[in-house]
Amino acid sequence: MAASQSGGLIESFLCFPHNIVMISMVIGKDEFDWQRVQSVEDLELGREYLFRPEFVPLLYSYLGVRPGLTVADIGCGTGSFSRLVARGLRGKGKVIGVDSDQTLLRIAGNRAEQEGLSELLEFKCGDAYSLPFGDETFDATTSHTLLGILRDPTKCIIEKKRVTKQGGIVSAGFDKKKSPHFS
């Protein structure tokens, strides 16, 4: 883990294999149509490979995932990262996945039900630049790949910060090789 400051927003970042970076700090409408680029099955398979079991404890520690938290996963897509975070709650807490694509949200809900996680997960349609929640709603907010595809990732980070409780964690993961904003 390394510490960094970018306008006072980013507290630290953590590099995972395959150039995935998790950024974190204490505390829009998606412009990209994944289905034109890769199938839902490919999206899911890629995430399963990326977050192999040996990395999950480190990820939970870094994100501060523990039982009893309320977490928002912004740009959740098929909910693979939301489900991963929900498992870390060990039966206590809630993950709310937000995405602008209704089709992906339906798939996310179905997969959560298939995996027996529907009590811990909820999925909502929303805009990453104007989240449908009040100030300081969540203990933590996160996203996986979203910042790398937004035109204005800083605006999304500020919005995530707004809905995160004082002292909470705002984090994001993205492929630094594919993101023009963070390379």
C-alpha atoms as a PDB file:
ATOM      1  CA  MET A   1       0.000   0.000   0.000  1.00  0.00           C
ATOM      2  CA  ALA A   2       1.227   3.478  -0.781  1.00  0.00           C
ATOM      3  CA  ALA A   3       0.071   6.862   0.405  1.00  0.00           C
ATOM      4  CA  SER A   4      -0.661   9.643  -2.006  1.00  0.00           C
ATOM      5  CA  GLN A   5      -2.503  12.932  -2.128  1.00  0.00           C
ATOM      6  CA  SER A   6      -4.370  14.318  -5.116  1.00  0.00           C
ATOM      7  CA  GLY A   7      -6.078  17.534  -4.203  1.00  0.00           C
ATOM      8  CA  GLY A   8      -6.634  16.141  -0.718  1.00  0.00           C
ATOM      9  CA  LEU A   9      -8.971  13.421  -2.006  1.00  0.00           C
ATOM     10  CA  ILE A  10      -6.952  10.221  -2.223  1.00  0.00           C
ATOM     11  CA  GLU A  11      -5.518   8.888   1.019  1.00  0.00           C
ATOM     12  CA  SER A  12      -3.951   5.666  -0.218  1.00  0.00           C
ATOM     13  CA  PHE A  13      -3.886   3.165  -3.015  1.00  0.00           C
ATOM     14  CA  LEU A  14      -3.211  -0.531  -3.283  1.00  0.00           C
ATOM     15  CA  CYS A  15      -2.026  -2.327  -6.420  1.00  0.00           C
ATOM     16  CA  PHE A  16      -3.357  -5.791  -7.221  1.00  0.00           C
ATOM     17  CA  PRO A  17      -2.180  -8.114  -9.992  1.00  0.00           C
ATOM     18  CA  HIS A  18      -3.111  -7.264 -13.589  1.00  0.00           C
ATOM     19  CA  ASN A  19      -2.701  -3.496 -13.050  1.00  0.00           C
ATOM     20  CA  ILE A  20      -5.831  -3.167 -10.939  1.00  0.00           C
ATOM     21  CA  VAL A  21      -5.537  -0.357  -8.429  1.00  0.00           C
ATOM     22  CA  MET A  22      -7.703   0.180  -5.359  1.00  0.00           C
ATOM     23  CA  ILE A  23      -7.784   3.767  -4.158  1.00  0.00           C
ATOM     24  CA  SER A  24      -9.230   4.766  -0.844  1.00  0.00           C
ATOM     25  CA  MET A  25     -10.006   7.832   1.204  1.00  0.00           C
ATOM     26  CA  VAL A  26     -11.588   8.367   4.570  1.00  0.00           C
ATOM     27  CA  ILE A  27     -14.143  10.604   4.965  1.00  0.00           C
ATOM     28  CA  GLY A  28     -23.564  10.185 -13.555  1.00  0.00           C
ATOM     29  CA  LYS A  29     -24.965   8.425 -15.536  1.00  0.00           C
ATOM     30  CA  ASP A  30     -22.638   5.706 -16.775  1.00  0.00           C
ATOM     31  CA  GLU A  31     -21.203   6.682 -20.115  1.00  0.00           C
ATOM     32  CA  PHE A  32     -20.155   3.221 -21.196  1.00  0.00           C
ATOM     33  CA  ASP A  33     -22.267   0.298 -22.432  1.00  0.00           C
ATOM     34  CA  TRP A  34     -20.445  -2.863 -21.317  1.00  0.00           C
ATOM     35  CA  GLN A  35     -22.746  -5.100 -23.307  1.00  0.00           C
ATOM     36  CA  ARG A  36     -21.404  -3.638 -26.566  1.00  0.00           C
ATOM     37  CA  VAL A  37     -17.885  -4.673 -25.570  1.00  0.00           C
ATOM     38  CA  GLN A  38     -18.205  -7.929 -23.654  1.00  0.00           C
ATOM     39  CA  SER A  39     -20.879 -10.345 -22.570  1.00  0.00           C
ATOM     40  CA  VAL A  40     -22.269 -10.595 -19.055  1.00  0.00           C
ATOM     41  CA  GLU A  41     -20.584 -13.994 -18.749  1.00  0.00           C
ATOM     42  CA  ASP A  42     -17.210 -12.453 -19.623  1.00  0.00           C
ATOM     43  CA  LEU A  43     -17.752  -9.671 -17.086  1.00  0.00           C
ATOM     44  CA  GLU A  44     -18.439 -12.216 -14.359  1.00  0.00           C
ATOM     45  CA  LEU A  45     -15.584 -14.538 -15.320  1.00  0.00           C
ATOM     46  CA  GLY A  46     -13.071 -11.691 -15.341  1.00  0.00           C
ATOM     47  CA  ARG A  47     -14.063 -10.605 -11.832  1.00  0.00           C
ATOM     48  CA  GLU A  48     -13.930 -14.158 -10.481  1.00  0.00           C
ATOM     49  CA  TYR A  49     -10.397 -14.517 -11.821  1.00  0.00           C
ATOM     50  CA  LEU A  50      -9.271 -11.123 -10.575  1.00  0.00           C
ATOM     51  CA  PHE A  51     -10.412 -11.558  -6.988  1.00  0.00           C
ATOM     52  CA  ARG A  52      -8.955 -14.949  -6.316  1.00  0.00           C
ATOM     53  CA  PRO A  53      -9.434 -16.319  -2.792  1.00  0.00           C
ATOM     54  CA  GLU A  54      -5.908 -15.476  -1.640  1.00  0.00           C
ATOM     55  CA  PHE A  55      -6.510 -11.748  -2.298  1.00  0.00           C
ATOM     56  CA  VAL A  56      -9.961 -11.466  -0.708  1.00  0.00           C
ATOM     57  CA  PRO A  57      -8.807 -11.088   2.939  1.00  0.00           C
ATOM     58  CA  LEU A  58      -6.445  -8.287   1.901  1.00  0.00           C
ATOM     59  CA  LEU A  59      -9.245  -6.622  -0.058  1.00  0.00           C
ATOM     60  CA  TYR A  60     -11.652  -6.850   2.904  1.00  0.00           C
ATOM     61  CA  SER A  61      -9.026  -5.394   5.208  1.00  0.00           C
ATOM     62  CA  TYR A  62      -8.250  -2.556   2.846  1.00  0.00           C
ATOM     63  CA  LEU A  63     -11.907  -1.696   2.250  1.00  0.00           C
ATOM     64  CA  GLY A  64     -12.726  -2.039   5.941  1.00  0.00           C
ATOM     65  CA  VAL A  65     -15.365  -4.705   5.229  1.00  0.00           C
ATOM     66  CA  ARG A  66     -16.745  -6.207   8.427  1.00  0.00           C
ATOM     67  CA  PRO A  67     -20.116  -7.368   9.753  1.00  0.00           C
ATOM     68  CA  GLY A  68     -22.713  -4.685  10.390  1.00  0.00           C
ATOM     69  CA  LEU A  69     -21.655  -2.178   7.728  1.00  0.00           C
ATOM     70  CA  THR A  70     -23.849  -0.549   5.112  1.00  0.00           C
ATOM     71  CA  VAL A  71     -21.898  -0.314   1.850  1.00  0.00           C
ATOM     72  CA  ALA A  72     -22.749   1.177  -1.556  1.00  0.00           C
ATOM     73  CA  ASP A  73     -21.174  -0.322  -4.686  1.00  0.00           C
ATOM     74  CA  ILE A  74     -21.467   2.364  -7.357  1.00  0.00           C
ATOM     75  CA  GLY A  75     -21.481   1.127 -10.954  1.00  0.00           C
ATOM     76  CA  CYS A  76     -22.182  -2.410  -9.744  1.00  0.00           C
ATOM     77  CA  GLY A  77     -23.030  -3.897 -13.147  1.00  0.00           C
ATOM     78  CA  THR A  78     -23.817  -7.598 -12.682  1.00  0.00           C
ATOM     79  CA  GLY A  79     -23.117  -7.298  -8.959  1.00  0.00           C
ATOM     80  CA  SER A  80     -20.005  -9.499  -8.824  1.00  0.00           C
ATOM     81  CA  PHE A  81     -18.097  -7.028  -6.644  1.00  0.00           C
ATOM     82  CA  SER A  82     -21.238  -6.328  -4.585  1.00  0.00           C
ATOM     83  CA  ARG A  83     -21.575 -10.050  -3.868  1.00  0.00           C
ATOM     84  CA  LEU A  84     -17.905 -10.289  -2.923  1.00  0.00           C
ATOM     85  CA  VAL A  85     -18.308  -7.407  -0.441  1.00  0.00           C
ATOM     86  CA  ALA A  86     -21.570  -8.905   0.901  1.00  0.00           C
ATOM     87  CA  ARG A  87     -19.807 -12.189   1.716  1.00  0.00           C
ATOM     88  CA  GLY A  88     -17.374 -10.197   3.857  1.00  0.00           C
ATOM     89  CA  LEU A  89     -20.269  -8.927   5.988  1.00  0.00           C
ATOM     90  CA  ARG A  90     -20.732 -12.508   7.235  1.00  0.00           C
ATOM     91  CA  GLY A  91     -24.505 -12.269   7.421  1.00  0.00           C
ATOM     92  CA  LYS A  92     -24.758  -8.850   9.088  1.00  0.00           C
ATOM     93  CA  GLY A  93     -25.075  -5.593   7.169  1.00  0.00           C
ATOM     94  CA  LYS A  94     -26.163  -4.484   3.714  1.00  0.00           C
ATOM     95  CA  VAL A  95     -24.634  -3.786   0.317  1.00  0.00           C
ATOM     96  CA  ILE A  96     -26.577  -1.582  -2.080  1.00  0.00           C
ATOM     97  CA  GLY A  97     -25.422  -1.840  -5.671  1.00  0.00           C
ATOM     98  CA  VAL A  98     -26.154   1.098  -7.959  1.00  0.00           C
ATOM     99  CA  ASP A  99     -26.026   1.076 -11.744  1.00  0.00           C
ATOM    100  CA  SER A 100     -27.736   2.940 -14.579  1.00  0.00           C
ATOM    101  CA  ASP A 101     -28.363  -0.231 -16.611  1.00  0.00           C
ATOM    102  CA  GLN A 102     -31.626  -1.981 -15.685  1.00  0.00           C
ATOM    103  CA  THR A 103     -30.631  -5.183 -17.499  1.00  0.00           C
ATOM    104  CA  LEU A 104     -27.436  -5.526 -15.488  1.00  0.00           C
ATOM    105  CA  LEU A 105     -29.354  -4.766 -12.270  1.00  0.00           C
ATOM    106  CA  ARG A 106     -31.814  -7.603 -13.004  1.00  0.00           C
ATOM    107  CA  ILE A 107     -28.904  -9.974 -13.586  1.00  0.00           C
ATOM    108  CA  ALA A 108     -27.278  -8.754 -10.353  1.00  0.00           C
ATOM    109  CA  GLY A 109     -30.452  -9.446  -8.365  1.00  0.00           C
ATOM    110  CA  ASN A 110     -30.841 -12.906  -9.887  1.00  0.00           C
ATOM    111  CA  ARG A 111     -27.235 -13.846  -9.129  1.00  0.00           C
ATOM    112  CA  ALA A 112     -27.502 -12.579  -5.548  1.00  0.00           C
ATOM    113  CA  GLU A 113     -30.576 -14.770  -5.084  1.00  0.00           C
ATOM    114  CA  GLN A 114     -28.868 -17.799  -6.666  1.00  0.00           C
ATOM    115  CA  GLU A 115     -25.933 -17.386  -4.270  1.00  0.00           C
ATOM    116  CA  GLY A 116     -28.171 -16.969  -1.211  1.00  0.00           C
ATOM    117  CA  LEU A 117     -27.107 -13.359  -0.649  1.00  0.00           C
ATOM    118  CA  SER A 118     -30.368 -11.525  -1.349  1.00  0.00           C
ATOM    119  CA  GLU A 119     -30.872 -10.653   2.352  1.00  0.00           C
ATOM    120  CA  LEU A 120     -27.585  -8.729   2.290  1.00  0.00           C
ATOM    121  CA  LEU A 121     -27.940  -7.151  -1.145  1.00  0.00           C
ATOM    122  CA  GLU A 122     -30.197  -4.602  -2.776  1.00  0.00           C
ATOM    123  CA  PHE A 123     -29.820  -3.143  -6.265  1.00  0.00           C
ATOM    124  CA  LYS A 124     -31.000   0.306  -7.390  1.00  0.00           C
ATOM    125  CA  CYS A 125     -30.974   2.222 -10.628  1.00  0.00           C
ATOM    126  CA  GLY A 126     -29.027   5.440 -10.269  1.00  0.00           C
ATOM    127  CA  ASP A 127     -26.568   7.938 -11.657  1.00  0.00           C
ATOM    128  CA  ALA A 128     -22.977   7.898 -10.360  1.00  0.00           C
ATOM    129  CA  TYR A 129     -22.907  11.707 -10.517  1.00  0.00           C
ATOM    130  CA  SER A 130     -26.129  12.160  -8.545  1.00  0.00           C
ATOM    131  CA  LEU A 131     -26.653   9.211  -6.213  1.00  0.00           C
ATOM    132  CA  PRO A 132     -30.213   8.600  -4.987  1.00  0.00           C
ATOM    133  CA  PHE A 133     -29.262   8.734  -1.294  1.00  0.00           C
ATOM    134  CA  GLY A 134     -29.053  11.322   1.444  1.00  0.00           C
ATOM    135  CA  ASP A 135     -25.850  12.721   2.875  1.00  0.00           C
ATOM    136  CA  GLU A 136     -23.826  10.363   5.090  1.00  0.00           C
ATOM    137  CA  THR A 137     -25.958   7.271   4.381  1.00  0.00           C
ATOM    138  CA  PHE A 138     -23.209   4.638   4.103  1.00  0.00           C
ATOM    139  CA  ASP A 139     -20.333   3.400   6.240  1.00  0.00           C
ATOM    140  CA  ALA A 140     -18.396   2.837   3.020  1.00  0.00           C
ATOM    141  CA  THR A 141     -18.763   3.390  -0.717  1.00  0.00           C
ATOM    142  CA  THR A 142     -16.810   1.526  -3.343  1.00  0.00           C
ATOM    143  CA  SER A 143     -16.695   0.805  -7.040  1.00  0.00           C
ATOM    144  CA  HIS A 144     -14.826  -1.558  -9.279  1.00  0.00           C
ATOM    145  CA  THR A 145     -13.866  -0.386 -12.801  1.00  0.00           C
ATOM    146  CA  LEU A 146     -16.361   2.518 -12.839  1.00  0.00           C
ATOM    147  CA  LEU A 147     -13.910   5.399 -12.446  1.00  0.00           C
ATOM    148  CA  GLY A 148     -11.915   4.219 -15.434  1.00  0.00           C
ATOM    149  CA  ILE A 149     -14.874   4.672 -17.786  1.00  0.00           C
ATOM    150  CA  LEU A 150     -16.422   7.908 -16.542  1.00  0.00           C
ATOM    151  CA  ARG A 151     -15.770  11.242 -18.239  1.00  0.00           C
ATOM    152  CA  ASP A 152     -15.543  12.986 -14.869  1.00  0.00           C
ATOM    153  CA  PRO A 153     -14.340  10.493 -12.231  1.00  0.00           C
ATOM    154  CA  THR A 154     -13.631  13.285  -9.733  1.00  0.00           C
ATOM    155  CA  LYS A 155     -17.312  14.256  -9.761  1.00  0.00           C
ATOM    156  CA  CYS A 156     -18.226  10.649  -8.939  1.00  0.00           C
ATOM    157  CA  ILE A 157     -15.672  10.499  -6.105  1.00  0.00           C
ATOM    158  CA  ILE A 158     -17.085  13.709  -4.621  1.00  0.00           C
ATOM    159  CA  GLU A 159     -20.600  12.259  -4.846  1.00  0.00           C
ATOM    160  CA  LYS A 160     -19.454   9.020  -3.194  1.00  0.00           C
ATOM    161  CA  LYS A 161     -17.893  11.100  -0.437  1.00  0.00           C
ATOM    162  CA  ARG A 162     -21.203  12.966   0.064  1.00  0.00           C
ATOM    163  CA  VAL A 163     -23.144   9.764   0.746  1.00  0.00           C
ATOM    164  CA  THR A 164     -20.430   8.285   3.008  1.00  0.00           C
ATOM    165  CA  LYS A 165     -20.602   8.872   6.752  1.00  0.00           C
ATOM    166  CA  GLN A 166     -17.970  10.993   8.452  1.00  0.00           C
ATOM    167  CA  GLY A 167     -15.020   8.681   9.162  1.00  0.00           C
ATOM    168  CA  GLY A 168     -16.219   6.165   6.561  1.00  0.00           C
ATOM    169  CA  ILE A 169     -14.238   4.805   3.626  1.00  0.00           C
ATOM    170  CA  VAL A 170     -14.559   5.764  -0.039  1.00  0.00           C
ATOM    171  CA  SER A 171     -12.722   3.391  -2.367  1.00  0.00           C
ATOM    172  CA  ALA A 172     -12.481   2.471  -6.029  1.00  0.00           C
ATOM    173  CA  GLY A 173     -10.744  -0.073  -8.198  1.00  0.00           C
ATOM    174  CA  PHE A 174      -9.812   0.387 -11.836  1.00  0.00           C
ATOM    175  CA  ASP A 175      -7.388  -0.814 -14.477  1.00  0.00           C
ATOM    176  CA  LYS A 176      -4.744   1.891 -14.576  1.00  0.00           C
ATOM    177  CA  LYS A 177      -3.646   0.870 -18.080  1.00  0.00           C
ATOM    178  CA  LYS A 178      -7.134   1.465 -19.468  1.00  0.00           C
ATOM    179  CA  SER A 179      -7.982   4.656 -17.611  1.00  0.00           C
ATOM    180  CA  PRO A 180      -6.932   7.940 -19.194  1.00  0.00           C
ATOM    181  CA  HIS A 181      -7.575   9.761 -15.905  1.00  0.00           C
ATOM    182  CA  PHE A 182      -5.331   7.695 -13.641  1.00  0.00           C
ATOM    183  CA  SER A 183      -2.443   6.380 -15.730  1.00  0.00           C
END
